[in-house]
C-alpha cells in the first residue's frame, strides 16, 4: 500500500508568500498619501461652499436693501438674515457664510486683508489647513451687513 499525501510543499508556500509580499509593497504607496488628497479636496470644497454662501448672502442683501432683517418667511418659517461680511478675510466671517462651521481638527486658516470691507466691495481671501502642506484655495467675500 502506498500512502498518498496531499497539500503544498514548503517551497510552494514560500513562493506564494513572497509574491503576496511584493504585491503588497507595490500597492501600499497608493494608500499612504490619501490624507493629503483628502485635505486638498476638503479645502476646495469649503472654499466653494463659502463662495456660494457669499453669493446668496449678497443677493439677499441687494434684494432687501437693509442692513439686517428678521422677517420670517410664512411658507417655510425661516428667517432670511443677511450675514455681516464687512469684517474682511477672517475665519469667523467665512464660518458665518456656511450653514455649519468648518471643523476644528484639522485647523482651517483664512488669510487676507482683515480691514473693513465696504458694502458691495469684493475681497479675495485664501483658505488652507494649518501645517498640512495643502495648496491654498482662494474665495471671495463681498461686503454686506
C-alpha atoms as a PDB file:
ATOM      1  CA  UNK A   1       0.000   0.000   0.000  1.00  0.00           C
ATOM      2  CA  UNK A   2       1.213   3.418  -0.919  1.00  0.00           C
ATOM      3  CA  UNK A   3       0.462   6.386   1.239  1.00  0.00           C
ATOM      4  CA  UNK A   4      -0.643   9.401  -0.873  1.00  0.00           C
ATOM      5  CA  UNK A   5      -0.139  12.769   0.744  1.00  0.00           C
ATOM      6  CA  UNK A   6      -1.881  15.872  -0.478  1.00  0.00           C
ATOM      7  CA  UNK A   7      -1.078  19.512   0.135  1.00  0.00           C
ATOM      8  CA  UNK A   8       1.513  22.111  -0.743  1.00  0.00           C
ATOM      9  CA  UNK A   9       5.234  21.785  -0.328  1.00  0.00           C
ATOM     10  CA  UNK A  10       7.165  24.236   1.788  1.00  0.00           C
ATOM     11  CA  UNK A  11       8.742  25.798  -1.296  1.00  0.00           C
ATOM     12  CA  UNK A  12       5.345  26.432  -2.906  1.00  0.00           C
ATOM     13  CA  UNK A  13       4.100  28.164   0.239  1.00  0.00           C
ATOM     14  CA  UNK A  14       7.228  30.353   0.446  1.00  0.00           C
ATOM     15  CA  UNK A  15       6.865  31.372  -3.219  1.00  0.00           C
ATOM     16  CA  UNK A  16       3.221  32.367  -2.704  1.00  0.00           C
ATOM     17  CA  UNK A  17       4.102  34.396   0.413  1.00  0.00           C
ATOM     18  CA  UNK A  18       6.922  36.194  -1.435  1.00  0.00           C
ATOM     19  CA  UNK A  19       4.611  37.050  -4.345  1.00  0.00           C
ATOM     20  CA  UNK A  20       1.960  38.400  -1.955  1.00  0.00           C
ATOM     21  CA  UNK A  21       4.631  40.464  -0.201  1.00  0.00           C
ATOM     22  CA  UNK A  22       5.785  42.012  -3.478  1.00  0.00           C
ATOM     23  CA  UNK A  23       2.210  42.848  -4.471  1.00  0.00           C
ATOM     24  CA  UNK A  24       1.544  44.430  -1.076  1.00  0.00           C
ATOM     25  CA  UNK A  25       4.740  46.501  -1.269  1.00  0.00           C
ATOM     26  CA  UNK A  26       3.761  47.907  -4.669  1.00  0.00           C
ATOM     27  CA  UNK A  27       0.163  48.669  -3.669  1.00  0.00           C
ATOM     28  CA  UNK A  28       0.886  50.242  -0.272  1.00  0.00           C
ATOM     29  CA  UNK A  29       2.239  53.616  -1.503  1.00  0.00           C
ATOM     30  CA  UNK A  30      -1.033  54.270  -3.310  1.00  0.00           C
ATOM     31  CA  UNK A  31      -2.868  54.323   0.016  1.00  0.00           C
ATOM     32  CA  UNK A  32      -0.291  56.104   2.154  1.00  0.00           C
ATOM     33  CA  UNK A  33      -0.720  59.558   0.575  1.00  0.00           C
ATOM     34  CA  UNK A  34      -4.517  59.738   0.566  1.00  0.00           C
ATOM     35  CA  UNK A  35      -4.620  62.098   3.565  1.00  0.00           C
ATOM     36  CA  UNK A  36      -3.078  64.914   1.551  1.00  0.00           C
ATOM     37  CA  UNK A  37      -5.537  64.383  -1.284  1.00  0.00           C
ATOM     38  CA  UNK A  38      -8.464  64.315   1.150  1.00  0.00           C
ATOM     39  CA  UNK A  39      -7.314  67.528   2.844  1.00  0.00           C
ATOM     40  CA  UNK A  40      -6.922  69.262  -0.527  1.00  0.00           C
ATOM     41  CA  UNK A  41     -10.417  68.186  -1.555  1.00  0.00           C
ATOM     42  CA  UNK A  42     -11.828  69.425   1.764  1.00  0.00           C
ATOM     43  CA  UNK A  43     -10.216  72.861   1.350  1.00  0.00           C
ATOM     44  CA  UNK A  44     -11.524  73.148  -2.204  1.00  0.00           C
ATOM     45  CA  UNK A  45     -14.997  72.063  -1.076  1.00  0.00           C
ATOM     46  CA  UNK A  46     -15.146  74.556   1.778  1.00  0.00           C
ATOM     47  CA  UNK A  47     -13.871  77.372  -0.466  1.00  0.00           C
ATOM     48  CA  UNK A  48     -16.615  76.563  -2.967  1.00  0.00           C
ATOM     49  CA  UNK A  49     -19.232  76.481  -0.211  1.00  0.00           C
ATOM     50  CA  UNK A  50     -18.035  79.844   1.122  1.00  0.00           C
ATOM     51  CA  UNK A  51     -18.247  81.334  -2.395  1.00  0.00           C
ATOM     52  CA  UNK A  52     -21.793  80.016  -2.745  1.00  0.00           C
ATOM     53  CA  UNK A  53     -22.801  81.293   0.686  1.00  0.00           C
ATOM     54  CA  UNK A  54     -21.273  84.676  -0.101  1.00  0.00           C
ATOM     55  CA  UNK A  55     -23.244  84.963  -3.358  1.00  0.00           C
ATOM     56  CA  UNK A  56     -26.519  84.049  -1.658  1.00  0.00           C
ATOM     57  CA  UNK A  57     -25.783  86.437   1.205  1.00  0.00           C
ATOM     58  CA  UNK A  58     -25.023  89.375  -1.080  1.00  0.00           C
ATOM     59  CA  UNK A  59     -28.072  88.645  -3.266  1.00  0.00           C
ATOM     60  CA  UNK A  60     -30.230  88.696  -0.124  1.00  0.00           C
ATOM     61  CA  UNK A  61     -28.634  91.992   0.897  1.00  0.00           C
ATOM     62  CA  UNK A  62     -29.369  93.506  -2.537  1.00  0.00           C
ATOM     63  CA  UNK A  63     -32.949  92.209  -2.549  1.00  0.00           C
ATOM     64  CA  UNK A  64     -33.709  93.556   0.918  1.00  0.00           C
ATOM     65  CA  UNK A  65     -31.581  96.723   0.797  1.00  0.00           C
ATOM     66  CA  UNK A  66     -31.487  96.765   4.556  1.00  0.00           C
ATOM     67  CA  UNK A  67     -28.654  96.175   6.984  1.00  0.00           C
ATOM     68  CA  UNK A  68     -30.279  93.180   8.689  1.00  0.00           C
ATOM     69  CA  UNK A  69     -33.658  91.506   8.666  1.00  0.00           C
ATOM     70  CA  UNK A  70     -35.518  89.146  10.890  1.00  0.00           C
ATOM     71  CA  UNK A  71     -38.564  88.845   8.641  1.00  0.00           C
ATOM     72  CA  UNK A  72     -40.000  85.342   8.817  1.00  0.00           C
ATOM     73  CA  UNK A  73     -40.952  83.619   5.578  1.00  0.00           C
ATOM     74  CA  UNK A  74     -44.558  82.486   6.114  1.00  0.00           C
ATOM     75  CA  UNK A  75     -44.175  79.437   3.874  1.00  0.00           C
ATOM     76  CA  UNK A  76     -41.049  77.982   5.488  1.00  0.00           C
ATOM     77  CA  UNK A  77     -40.939  79.680   8.878  1.00  0.00           C
ATOM     78  CA  UNK A  78     -37.289  80.587   8.284  1.00  0.00           C
ATOM     79  CA  UNK A  79     -35.626  83.948   8.523  1.00  0.00           C
ATOM     80  CA  UNK A  80     -33.626  85.363   5.644  1.00  0.00           C
ATOM     81  CA  UNK A  81     -30.948  87.195   7.543  1.00  0.00           C
ATOM     82  CA  UNK A  82     -28.029  88.957   5.895  1.00  0.00           C
ATOM     83  CA  UNK A  83     -24.707  87.842   7.374  1.00  0.00           C
ATOM     84  CA  UNK A  84     -22.248  90.591   8.260  1.00  0.00           C
ATOM     85  CA  UNK A  85     -19.248  90.227   5.935  1.00  0.00           C
ATOM     86  CA  UNK A  86     -17.641  93.670   6.220  1.00  0.00           C
ATOM     87  CA  UNK A  87     -15.009  92.295   8.625  1.00  0.00           C
ATOM     88  CA  UNK A  88     -12.709  91.153   5.832  1.00  0.00           C
ATOM     89  CA  UNK A  89     -10.836  87.880   5.499  1.00  0.00           C
ATOM     90  CA  UNK A  90     -11.326  86.117   8.832  1.00  0.00           C
ATOM     91  CA  UNK A  91     -12.279  82.602   9.841  1.00  0.00           C
ATOM     92  CA  UNK A  92     -15.325  83.986  11.679  1.00  0.00           C
ATOM     93  CA  UNK A  93     -16.672  85.676   8.530  1.00  0.00           C
ATOM     94  CA  UNK A  94     -16.050  82.513   6.475  1.00  0.00           C
ATOM     95  CA  UNK A  95     -17.815  80.330   9.068  1.00  0.00           C
ATOM     96  CA  UNK A  96     -20.769  82.749   9.182  1.00  0.00           C
ATOM     97  CA  UNK A  97     -21.326  82.178   5.458  1.00  0.00           C
ATOM     98  CA  UNK A  98     -21.597  78.413   5.996  1.00  0.00           C
ATOM     99  CA  UNK A  99     -24.556  76.559   7.472  1.00  0.00           C
ATOM    100  CA  UNK A 100     -22.155  74.817   9.886  1.00  0.00           C
ATOM    101  CA  UNK A 101     -18.691  75.942  10.981  1.00  0.00           C
ATOM    102  CA  UNK A 102     -15.650  74.287   9.457  1.00  0.00           C
ATOM    103  CA  UNK A 103     -14.234  71.541  11.702  1.00  0.00           C
ATOM    104  CA  UNK A 104     -11.558  72.471  14.233  1.00  0.00           C
ATOM    105  CA  UNK A 105      -9.488  69.375  13.510  1.00  0.00           C
ATOM    106  CA  UNK A 106      -7.725  69.784  11.190  1.00  0.00           C
ATOM    107  CA  UNK A 107      -7.441  73.520  11.809  1.00  0.00           C
ATOM    108  CA  UNK A 108      -8.525  75.672   8.872  1.00  0.00           C
ATOM    109  CA  UNK A 109      -6.948  79.100   8.400  1.00  0.00           C
ATOM    110  CA  UNK A 110      -8.139  82.127   6.444  1.00  0.00           C
ATOM    111  CA  UNK A 111      -5.609  84.663   5.206  1.00  0.00           C
ATOM    112  CA  UNK A 112      -6.066  88.008   3.522  1.00  0.00           C
ATOM    113  CA  UNK A 113      -6.882  91.632   4.215  1.00  0.00           C
ATOM    114  CA  UNK A 114      -8.774  91.978   7.515  1.00  0.00           C
ATOM    115  CA  UNK A 115      -9.546  95.689   7.247  1.00  0.00           C
ATOM    116  CA  UNK A 116     -13.158  96.819   6.991  1.00  0.00           C
ATOM    117  CA  UNK A 117     -14.818  95.974   3.696  1.00  0.00           C
ATOM    118  CA  UNK A 118     -17.179  98.472   2.033  1.00  0.00           C
ATOM    119  CA  UNK A 119     -20.676  97.375   1.006  1.00  0.00           C
ATOM    120  CA  UNK A 120     -20.553  95.715  -2.392  1.00  0.00           C
ATOM    121  CA  UNK A 121     -16.752  95.599  -2.484  1.00  0.00           C
ATOM    122  CA  UNK A 122     -15.074  92.272  -3.209  1.00  0.00           C
ATOM    123  CA  UNK A 123     -12.063  90.875  -1.420  1.00  0.00           C
ATOM    124  CA  UNK A 124     -10.134  87.728  -2.286  1.00  0.00           C
ATOM    125  CA  UNK A 125      -9.248  85.575   0.719  1.00  0.00           C
ATOM    126  CA  UNK A 126      -7.250  82.361   0.986  1.00  0.00           C
ATOM    127  CA  UNK A 127      -8.286  79.163   2.783  1.00  0.00           C
ATOM    128  CA  UNK A 128      -5.883  76.408   3.829  1.00  0.00           C
ATOM    129  CA  UNK A 129      -5.324  73.795   6.533  1.00  0.00           C
ATOM    130  CA  UNK A 130      -2.700  74.836   9.070  1.00  0.00           C
ATOM    131  CA  UNK A 131       0.595  72.960   8.731  1.00  0.00           C
ATOM    132  CA  UNK A 132      -0.635  70.421   6.184  1.00  0.00           C
ATOM    133  CA  UNK A 133       1.171  71.418   3.007  1.00  0.00           C
ATOM    134  CA  UNK A 134      -2.192  71.755   1.250  1.00  0.00           C
ATOM    135  CA  UNK A 135      -2.271  74.196  -1.662  1.00  0.00           C
ATOM    136  CA  UNK A 136      -4.264  77.259  -0.503  1.00  0.00           C
ATOM    137  CA  UNK A 137      -7.541  77.950  -2.324  1.00  0.00           C
ATOM    138  CA  UNK A 138      -8.979  81.425  -2.927  1.00  0.00           C
ATOM    139  CA  UNK A 139     -12.539  82.511  -2.245  1.00  0.00           C
ATOM    140  CA  UNK A 140     -14.290  85.870  -2.479  1.00  0.00           C
ATOM    141  CA  UNK A 141     -16.078  87.890   0.184  1.00  0.00           C
ATOM    142  CA  UNK A 142     -18.460  90.695  -0.794  1.00  0.00           C
ATOM    143  CA  UNK A 143     -19.233  93.373   1.777  1.00  0.00           C
ATOM    144  CA  UNK A 144     -22.770  93.144   3.165  1.00  0.00           C
ATOM    145  CA  UNK A 145     -24.370  93.704   6.543  1.00  0.00           C
END
